[in-house]
Amino acid sequence: MELGTRQVAEFLNISEKKLYQWIERKKLPAIRVGAQYRINKARLIEWAIANKIRLSPGIFTDDEPQMADIPRLDETLGRGGVHIGVTGSDIPSVLASVIERMPLPNDVDRGYVLQVLLARESMGSTGIGNGIAIPHVRNPIIMHISQPMIALCYLENPIAFNALDGQPVHTLFTIISPSSSTHIHLLSRLSYALRDPAFMGKITERAGEDAVIKAAAIIETNLAEAAKRKASPKGTES
């Protein structure tokens, strides 16, 4: 999904003038089309995560009416699973271990998944800081799977991941999607969750699957309520 500068400025809670400055100074990923800039929503979310910039909740609910059938964050984490003690001494070996742990269909080429994830890392680390990385690709991994999944992996030993803050990574969220719109939706949800103190508390303490999924379910409830308030006519109660 491509966004205009006015919409992006609203999502970033800044003026359009400042947005243009960020495009130049902070390397916000924008493409010039004639006299206007267009910004890909997935790349905006990825950029905001990497630069620790808070996005307006509107970006996480803006396309809900068209995407009502996309699974919730808690359901998707439940499908991918929470994996403890994932081994590896560097990025390739860790990602290989992650892919091995993921409950992918038997006909999925795990070697191919590893190659596309490694190709993405070669373009720029998905380490977002605070010991967390989100291995995925800018052109989402699209496979013939019936439902998307996010695998949460706690590493046995932290590894260097070329993260922006220079800190080793100990936790990975890996997204596998059946469509581009699903990928954007899940990246949005995960971005929001990683700004939530309660959810991050569970990740920091390396909580098990039940606790993490419960925290994700609370986030989904909060976002659903925010969407209802946005949809309600001004001055009426939802």
C-alpha atoms as a PDB file:
ATOM      1  CA  MET A   1       0.000   0.000   0.000  1.00  0.00           C
ATOM      2  CA  GLU A   2       1.385   3.396  -1.031  1.00  0.00           C
ATOM      3  CA  LEU A   3       0.747   6.407   1.199  1.00  0.00           C
ATOM      4  CA  GLY A   4       0.786  10.145   0.526  1.00  0.00           C
ATOM      5  CA  THR A   5       2.757  12.631   2.609  1.00  0.00           C
ATOM      6  CA  ARG A   6      -0.285  14.009   4.427  1.00  0.00           C
ATOM      7  CA  GLN A   7      -1.333  10.542   5.587  1.00  0.00           C
ATOM      8  CA  VAL A   8       2.217   9.628   6.614  1.00  0.00           C
ATOM      9  CA  ALA A   9       2.591  12.887   8.556  1.00  0.00           C
ATOM     10  CA  GLU A  10      -0.607  12.039  10.473  1.00  0.00           C
ATOM     11  CA  PHE A  11       0.676   8.547  11.265  1.00  0.00           C
ATOM     12  CA  LEU A  12       3.965  10.037  12.535  1.00  0.00           C
ATOM     13  CA  ASN A  13       2.218  12.889  14.415  1.00  0.00           C
ATOM     14  CA  ILE A  14       4.353  15.524  12.678  1.00  0.00           C
ATOM     15  CA  SER A  15       3.817  18.333  10.156  1.00  0.00           C
ATOM     16  CA  GLU A  16       4.293  17.735   6.441  1.00  0.00           C
ATOM     17  CA  LYS A  17       7.181  20.233   6.556  1.00  0.00           C
ATOM     18  CA  LYS A  18       8.955  18.115   9.150  1.00  0.00           C
ATOM     19  CA  LEU A  19       8.162  14.972   7.153  1.00  0.00           C
ATOM     20  CA  TYR A  20      10.061  16.379   4.182  1.00  0.00           C
ATOM     21  CA  GLN A  21      12.991  17.092   6.502  1.00  0.00           C
ATOM     22  CA  TRP A  22      12.897  13.488   7.754  1.00  0.00           C
ATOM     23  CA  ILE A  23      12.908  12.198   4.189  1.00  0.00           C
ATOM     24  CA  GLU A  24      16.167  14.076   3.665  1.00  0.00           C
ATOM     25  CA  ARG A  25      17.813  13.806   7.094  1.00  0.00           C
ATOM     26  CA  LYS A  26      16.484  10.542   8.543  1.00  0.00           C
ATOM     27  CA  LYS A  27      16.377   8.713   5.209  1.00  0.00           C
ATOM     28  CA  LEU A  28      12.679   7.981   5.528  1.00  0.00           C
ATOM     29  CA  PRO A  29      12.027   5.638   2.555  1.00  0.00           C
ATOM     30  CA  ALA A  30      10.098   7.676  -0.004  1.00  0.00           C
ATOM     31  CA  ILE A  31       9.788   7.572  -3.780  1.00  0.00           C
ATOM     32  CA  ARG A  32       9.263  10.759  -5.753  1.00  0.00           C
ATOM     33  CA  VAL A  33       6.437  10.546  -8.287  1.00  0.00           C
ATOM     34  CA  GLY A  34       6.309  13.797 -10.230  1.00  0.00           C
ATOM     35  CA  ALA A  35       6.040  16.585  -7.671  1.00  0.00           C
ATOM     36  CA  GLN A  36       4.888  14.281  -4.855  1.00  0.00           C
ATOM     37  CA  TYR A  37       6.371  11.659  -2.574  1.00  0.00           C
ATOM     38  CA  ARG A  38       4.859   8.216  -2.071  1.00  0.00           C
ATOM     39  CA  ILE A  39       5.814   5.973   0.837  1.00  0.00           C
ATOM     40  CA  ASN A  40       5.199   2.233   1.047  1.00  0.00           C
ATOM     41  CA  LYS A  41       3.330   1.345   4.231  1.00  0.00           C
ATOM     42  CA  ALA A  42       5.383  -1.764   5.007  1.00  0.00           C
ATOM     43  CA  ARG A  43       8.649   0.132   4.571  1.00  0.00           C
ATOM     44  CA  LEU A  44       7.333   2.998   6.736  1.00  0.00           C
ATOM     45  CA  ILE A  45       6.537   0.594   9.574  1.00  0.00           C
ATOM     46  CA  GLU A  46       9.909  -1.125   9.191  1.00  0.00           C
ATOM     47  CA  TRP A  47      11.681   2.261   9.231  1.00  0.00           C
ATOM     48  CA  ALA A  48       9.757   3.431  12.300  1.00  0.00           C
ATOM     49  CA  ILE A  49      10.590   0.241  14.199  1.00  0.00           C
ATOM     50  CA  ALA A  50      14.285   0.532  13.344  1.00  0.00           C
ATOM     51  CA  ASN A  51      14.407   4.218  14.337  1.00  0.00           C
ATOM     52  CA  LYS A  52      12.294   3.776  17.488  1.00  0.00           C
ATOM     53  CA  ILE A  53       9.695   6.264  16.266  1.00  0.00           C
ATOM     54  CA  ARG A  54       6.179   5.901  17.609  1.00  0.00           C
ATOM     55  CA  LEU A  55       3.413   5.659  15.029  1.00  0.00           C
ATOM     56  CA  SER A  56      -0.161   6.803  15.531  1.00  0.00           C
ATOM     57  CA  PRO A  57      -2.564   3.946  16.379  1.00  0.00           C
ATOM     58  CA  GLY A  58      -4.428   4.923  13.208  1.00  0.00           C
ATOM     59  CA  ILE A  59      -1.887   3.105  11.076  1.00  0.00           C
ATOM     60  CA  PHE A  60      -2.767  -0.147  12.804  1.00  0.00           C
ATOM     61  CA  THR A  61      -6.512   0.185  12.283  1.00  0.00           C
ATOM     62  CA  ASP A  62      -6.693   2.225   9.086  1.00  0.00           C
ATOM     63  CA  ASP A  63      -7.222  -0.759   6.766  1.00  0.00           C
ATOM     64  CA  GLU A  64      -9.194  -2.993   9.133  1.00  0.00           C
ATOM     65  CA  PRO A  65     -12.488  -2.882   7.158  1.00  0.00           C
ATOM     66  CA  GLN A  66     -10.720  -4.411   4.138  1.00  0.00           C
ATOM     67  CA  MET A  67      -8.744  -6.902   6.202  1.00  0.00           C
ATOM     68  CA  ALA A  68     -11.271  -8.182   8.712  1.00  0.00           C
ATOM     69  CA  ASP A  69     -10.519 -11.778   7.781  1.00  0.00           C
ATOM     70  CA  ILE A  70      -6.820 -11.538   8.647  1.00  0.00           C
ATOM     71  CA  PRO A  71      -5.937 -13.429  11.850  1.00  0.00           C
ATOM     72  CA  ARG A  72      -5.176 -11.649  15.073  1.00  0.00           C
ATOM     73  CA  LEU A  73      -1.653 -11.280  16.466  1.00  0.00           C
ATOM     74  CA  ASP A  74      -2.339 -13.746  19.257  1.00  0.00           C
ATOM     75  CA  GLU A  75      -3.677 -16.350  16.814  1.00  0.00           C
ATOM     76  CA  THR A  76      -0.715 -15.895  14.491  1.00  0.00           C
ATOM     77  CA  LEU A  77       1.814 -16.224  17.315  1.00  0.00           C
ATOM     78  CA  GLY A  78      -0.009 -19.329  18.472  1.00  0.00           C
ATOM     79  CA  ARG A  79       0.325 -20.778  14.987  1.00  0.00           C
ATOM     80  CA  GLY A  80       4.059 -20.014  14.708  1.00  0.00           C
ATOM     81  CA  GLY A  81       4.820 -20.961  18.294  1.00  0.00           C
ATOM     82  CA  VAL A  82       7.174 -19.774  21.013  1.00  0.00           C
ATOM     83  CA  HIS A  83      10.516 -21.540  20.864  1.00  0.00           C
ATOM     84  CA  ILE A  84      13.065 -21.525  23.682  1.00  0.00           C
ATOM     85  CA  GLY A  85      16.792 -22.267  23.450  1.00  0.00           C
ATOM     86  CA  VAL A  86      17.181 -21.758  19.707  1.00  0.00           C
ATOM     87  CA  THR A  87      20.795 -22.448  18.814  1.00  0.00           C
ATOM     88  CA  GLY A  88      23.302 -20.775  16.494  1.00  0.00           C
ATOM     89  CA  SER A  89      26.512 -18.783  16.658  1.00  0.00           C
ATOM     90  CA  ASP A  90      25.846 -16.321  13.834  1.00  0.00           C
ATOM     91  CA  ILE A  91      23.004 -14.999  11.672  1.00  0.00           C
ATOM     92  CA  PRO A  92      22.955 -17.843   9.101  1.00  0.00           C
ATOM     93  CA  SER A  93      23.026 -20.634  11.692  1.00  0.00           C
ATOM     94  CA  VAL A  94      20.439 -18.962  13.925  1.00  0.00           C
ATOM     95  CA  LEU A  95      18.041 -18.357  11.043  1.00  0.00           C
ATOM     96  CA  ALA A  96      18.534 -21.966   9.928  1.00  0.00           C
ATOM     97  CA  SER A  97      17.560 -23.101  13.443  1.00  0.00           C
ATOM     98  CA  VAL A  98      14.533 -20.795  13.448  1.00  0.00           C
ATOM     99  CA  ILE A  99      13.290 -22.160  10.130  1.00  0.00           C
ATOM    100  CA  GLU A 100      13.813 -25.708  11.342  1.00  0.00           C
ATOM    101  CA  ARG A 101      11.648 -25.004  14.389  1.00  0.00           C
ATOM    102  CA  MET A 102       8.813 -23.323  12.494  1.00  0.00           C
ATOM    103  CA  PRO A 103       5.770 -25.549  11.829  1.00  0.00           C
ATOM    104  CA  LEU A 104       5.847 -25.043   8.056  1.00  0.00           C
ATOM    105  CA  PRO A 105       3.982 -27.380   5.668  1.00  0.00           C
ATOM    106  CA  ASN A 106       6.001 -30.349   4.435  1.00  0.00           C
ATOM    107  CA  ASP A 107       6.111 -29.062   0.865  1.00  0.00           C
ATOM    108  CA  VAL A 108       7.761 -25.748   1.825  1.00  0.00           C
ATOM    109  CA  ASP A 109      11.402 -25.469   0.742  1.00  0.00           C
ATOM    110  CA  ARG A 110      13.074 -24.441   4.000  1.00  0.00           C
ATOM    111  CA  GLY A 111      16.350 -23.832   2.196  1.00  0.00           C
ATOM    112  CA  TYR A 112      14.628 -21.246   0.014  1.00  0.00           C
ATOM    113  CA  VAL A 113      13.125 -19.532   3.069  1.00  0.00           C
ATOM    114  CA  LEU A 114      16.601 -19.319   4.601  1.00  0.00           C
ATOM    115  CA  GLN A 115      18.067 -17.792   1.441  1.00  0.00           C
ATOM    116  CA  VAL A 116      15.461 -15.038   1.180  1.00  0.00           C
ATOM    117  CA  LEU A 117      15.854 -14.157   4.847  1.00  0.00           C
ATOM    118  CA  LEU A 118      19.629 -13.995   4.477  1.00  0.00           C
ATOM    119  CA  ALA A 119      19.242 -11.873   1.339  1.00  0.00           C
ATOM    120  CA  ARG A 120      17.122  -9.415   3.347  1.00  0.00           C
ATOM    121  CA  GLU A 121      19.729  -9.224   6.105  1.00  0.00           C
ATOM    122  CA  SER A 122      22.401  -8.442   3.502  1.00  0.00           C
ATOM    123  CA  MET A 123      20.380  -5.339   2.549  1.00  0.00           C
ATOM    124  CA  GLY A 124      20.262  -4.099   6.123  1.00  0.00           C
ATOM    125  CA  SER A 125      19.848  -5.674   9.529  1.00  0.00           C
ATOM    126  CA  THR A 126      16.365  -6.410  10.849  1.00  0.00           C
ATOM    127  CA  GLY A 127      17.776  -5.979  14.357  1.00  0.00           C
ATOM    128  CA  ILE A 128      15.628  -3.193  15.792  1.00  0.00           C
ATOM    129  CA  GLY A 129      17.495  -2.732  19.077  1.00  0.00           C
ATOM    130  CA  ASN A 130      16.962  -3.867  22.661  1.00  0.00           C
ATOM    131  CA  GLY A 131      18.059  -7.379  21.685  1.00  0.00           C
ATOM    132  CA  ILE A 132      15.191  -7.969  19.209  1.00  0.00           C
ATOM    133  CA  ALA A 133      15.175  -8.705  15.472  1.00  0.00           C
ATOM    134  CA  ILE A 134      12.301  -9.257  13.056  1.00  0.00           C
ATOM    135  CA  PRO A 135      13.625 -11.393  10.184  1.00  0.00           C
ATOM    136  CA  HIS A 136      11.454 -10.786   7.133  1.00  0.00           C
ATOM    137  CA  VAL A 137      11.835  -9.390   3.631  1.00  0.00           C
ATOM    138  CA  ARG A 138      10.656  -6.145   2.079  1.00  0.00           C
ATOM    139  CA  ASN A 139       8.873  -8.204  -0.522  1.00  0.00           C
ATOM    140  CA  PRO A 140       7.108 -10.534   1.908  1.00  0.00           C
ATOM    141  CA  ILE A 141       7.676 -14.263   1.949  1.00  0.00           C
ATOM    142  CA  ILE A 142       4.556 -15.402   0.126  1.00  0.00           C
ATOM    143  CA  MET A 143       3.834 -19.130   0.139  1.00  0.00           C
ATOM    144  CA  HIS A 144       1.017 -21.514  -0.466  1.00  0.00           C
ATOM    145  CA  ILE A 145       0.041 -21.704   3.198  1.00  0.00           C
ATOM    146  CA  SER A 146      -3.506 -21.408   4.428  1.00  0.00           C
ATOM    147  CA  GLN A 147      -2.717 -19.125   7.372  1.00  0.00           C
ATOM    148  CA  PRO A 148       0.139 -16.751   8.274  1.00  0.00           C
ATOM    149  CA  MET A 149       2.385 -17.343  11.241  1.00  0.00           C
ATOM    150  CA  ILE A 150       4.848 -15.535  13.470  1.00  0.00           C
ATOM    151  CA  ALA A 151       7.452 -17.608  15.288  1.00  0.00           C
ATOM    152  CA  LEU A 152       8.866 -16.122  18.482  1.00  0.00           C
ATOM    153  CA  CYS A 153      12.324 -17.535  19.193  1.00  0.00           C
ATOM    154  CA  TYR A 154      14.429 -16.994  22.302  1.00  0.00           C
ATOM    155  CA  LEU A 155      18.059 -17.669  21.444  1.00  0.00           C
ATOM    156  CA  GLU A 156      20.202 -19.915  23.600  1.00  0.00           C
ATOM    157  CA  ASN A 157      23.020 -17.375  23.291  1.00  0.00           C
ATOM    158  CA  PRO A 158      22.789 -13.761  22.053  1.00  0.00           C
ATOM    159  CA  ILE A 159      24.494 -13.133  18.711  1.00  0.00           C
ATOM    160  CA  ALA A 160      25.795 -10.132  16.799  1.00  0.00           C
ATOM    161  CA  PHE A 161      23.079  -8.998  14.387  1.00  0.00           C
ATOM    162  CA  ASN A 162      24.356  -5.634  13.157  1.00  0.00           C
ATOM    163  CA  ALA A 163      21.497  -3.991  15.048  1.00  0.00           C
ATOM    164  CA  LEU A 164      21.236  -0.196  15.055  1.00  0.00           C
ATOM    165  CA  ASP A 165      22.136   0.040  18.742  1.00  0.00           C
ATOM    166  CA  GLY A 166      25.078  -2.357  18.333  1.00  0.00           C
ATOM    167  CA  GLN A 167      23.677  -4.735  20.939  1.00  0.00           C
ATOM    168  CA  PRO A 168      23.538  -8.517  20.403  1.00  0.00           C
ATOM    169  CA  VAL A 169      20.165 -10.062  19.619  1.00  0.00           C
ATOM    170  CA  HIS A 170      18.503 -12.576  21.939  1.00  0.00           C
ATOM    171  CA  THR A 171      14.928 -12.658  20.583  1.00  0.00           C
ATOM    172  CA  LEU A 172      13.570 -13.058  17.049  1.00  0.00           C
ATOM    173  CA  PHE A 173      10.085 -12.712  15.554  1.00  0.00           C
ATOM    174  CA  THR A 174       9.915 -14.346  12.107  1.00  0.00           C
ATOM    175  CA  ILE A 175       6.925 -13.580   9.858  1.00  0.00           C
ATOM    176  CA  ILE A 176       5.658 -15.918   7.128  1.00  0.00           C
ATOM    177  CA  SER A 177       2.686 -14.596   5.122  1.00  0.00           C
ATOM    178  CA  PRO A 178       0.380 -15.898   2.380  1.00  0.00           C
ATOM    179  CA  SER A 179      -0.084 -12.390   0.909  1.00  0.00           C
ATOM    180  CA  SER A 180       1.429  -8.903   0.911  1.00  0.00           C
ATOM    181  CA  SER A 181      -1.575  -7.369   2.699  1.00  0.00           C
ATOM    182  CA  THR A 182      -1.292  -9.974   5.447  1.00  0.00           C
ATOM    183  CA  HIS A 183       2.390  -9.213   5.851  1.00  0.00           C
ATOM    184  CA  ILE A 184       1.735  -5.491   6.261  1.00  0.00           C
ATOM    185  CA  HIS A 185      -1.036  -6.182   8.752  1.00  0.00           C
ATOM    186  CA  LEU A 186       1.171  -8.445  10.885  1.00  0.00           C
ATOM    187  CA  LEU A 187       4.154  -6.098  10.732  1.00  0.00           C
ATOM    188  CA  SER A 188       1.840  -3.304  11.905  1.00  0.00           C
ATOM    189  CA  ARG A 189       0.491  -5.399  14.762  1.00  0.00           C
ATOM    190  CA  LEU A 190       3.949  -6.514  15.839  1.00  0.00           C
ATOM    191  CA  SER A 191       5.265  -2.957  15.689  1.00  0.00           C
ATOM    192  CA  TYR A 192       2.451  -1.825  17.985  1.00  0.00           C
ATOM    193  CA  ALA A 193       3.013  -4.745  20.358  1.00  0.00           C
ATOM    194  CA  LEU A 194       6.725  -3.985  20.681  1.00  0.00           C
ATOM    195  CA  ARG A 195       5.823  -0.504  21.957  1.00  0.00           C
ATOM    196  CA  ASP A 196       3.504  -1.952  24.613  1.00  0.00           C
ATOM    197  CA  PRO A 197       5.173  -2.202  28.066  1.00  0.00           C
ATOM    198  CA  ALA A 198       3.131  -5.224  29.190  1.00  0.00           C
ATOM    199  CA  PHE A 199       3.883  -7.207  26.037  1.00  0.00           C
ATOM    200  CA  MET A 200       7.552  -6.229  26.110  1.00  0.00           C
ATOM    201  CA  GLY A 201       7.702  -7.252  29.753  1.00  0.00           C
ATOM    202  CA  LYS A 202       6.736 -10.787  28.762  1.00  0.00           C
ATOM    203  CA  ILE A 203       9.400 -10.839  26.057  1.00  0.00           C
ATOM    204  CA  THR A 204      12.074  -9.502  28.417  1.00  0.00           C
ATOM    205  CA  GLU A 205      11.337 -12.201  30.976  1.00  0.00           C
ATOM    206  CA  ARG A 206      11.286 -14.815  28.192  1.00  0.00           C
ATOM    207  CA  ALA A 207       7.754 -15.831  29.053  1.00  0.00           C
ATOM    208  CA  GLY A 208       6.207 -19.009  27.678  1.00  0.00           C
ATOM    209  CA  GLU A 209       3.639 -19.329  24.919  1.00  0.00           C
ATOM    210  CA  ASP A 210       0.512 -18.969  27.066  1.00  0.00           C
ATOM    211  CA  ALA A 211       1.676 -15.709  28.669  1.00  0.00           C
ATOM    212  CA  VAL A 212       2.850 -14.177  25.392  1.00  0.00           C
ATOM    213  CA  ILE A 213      -0.356 -15.067  23.570  1.00  0.00           C
ATOM    214  CA  LYS A 214      -2.453 -13.665  26.421  1.00  0.00           C
ATOM    215  CA  ALA A 215      -0.536 -10.366  26.246  1.00  0.00           C
ATOM    216  CA  ALA A 216      -1.040 -10.274  22.466  1.00  0.00           C
ATOM    217  CA  ALA A 217      -4.778 -10.899  22.930  1.00  0.00           C
ATOM    218  CA  ILE A 218      -5.022  -7.849  25.200  1.00  0.00           C
ATOM    219  CA  ILE A 219      -3.362  -5.748  22.510  1.00  0.00           C
ATOM    220  CA  GLU A 220      -5.875  -6.991  19.943  1.00  0.00           C
ATOM    221  CA  THR A 221      -8.721  -6.044  22.269  1.00  0.00           C
ATOM    222  CA  ASN A 222      -7.290  -2.556  22.753  1.00  0.00           C
ATOM    223  CA  LEU A 223      -6.867  -2.047  19.017  1.00  0.00           C
ATOM    224  CA  ALA A 224     -10.409  -3.273  18.333  1.00  0.00           C
ATOM    225  CA  GLU A 225     -11.763  -0.757  20.841  1.00  0.00           C
ATOM    226  CA  ALA A 226      -9.707   2.015  19.226  1.00  0.00           C
ATOM    227  CA  ALA A 227     -11.141   1.062  15.831  1.00  0.00           C
ATOM    228  CA  LYS A 228     -14.680   1.237  17.229  1.00  0.00           C
ATOM    229  CA  ARG A 229     -14.067   4.682  18.676  1.00  0.00           C
ATOM    230  CA  LYS A 230     -12.685   5.853  15.342  1.00  0.00           C
ATOM    231  CA  ALA A 231     -15.718   4.483  13.491  1.00  0.00           C
ATOM    232  CA  SER A 232     -18.296   5.905  15.933  1.00  0.00           C
ATOM    233  CA  PRO A 233     -19.968   9.218  14.998  1.00  0.00           C
ATOM    234  CA  LYS A 234     -18.534  12.115  16.990  1.00  0.00           C
ATOM    235  CA  GLY A 235     -20.377  12.704  20.181  1.00  0.00           C
ATOM    236  CA  THR A 236     -21.940   9.238  20.414  1.00  0.00           C
ATOM    237  CA  GLU A 237     -20.948   6.310  22.554  1.00  0.00           C
ATOM    238  CA  SER A 238     -19.840   3.032  21.001  1.00  0.00           C
END
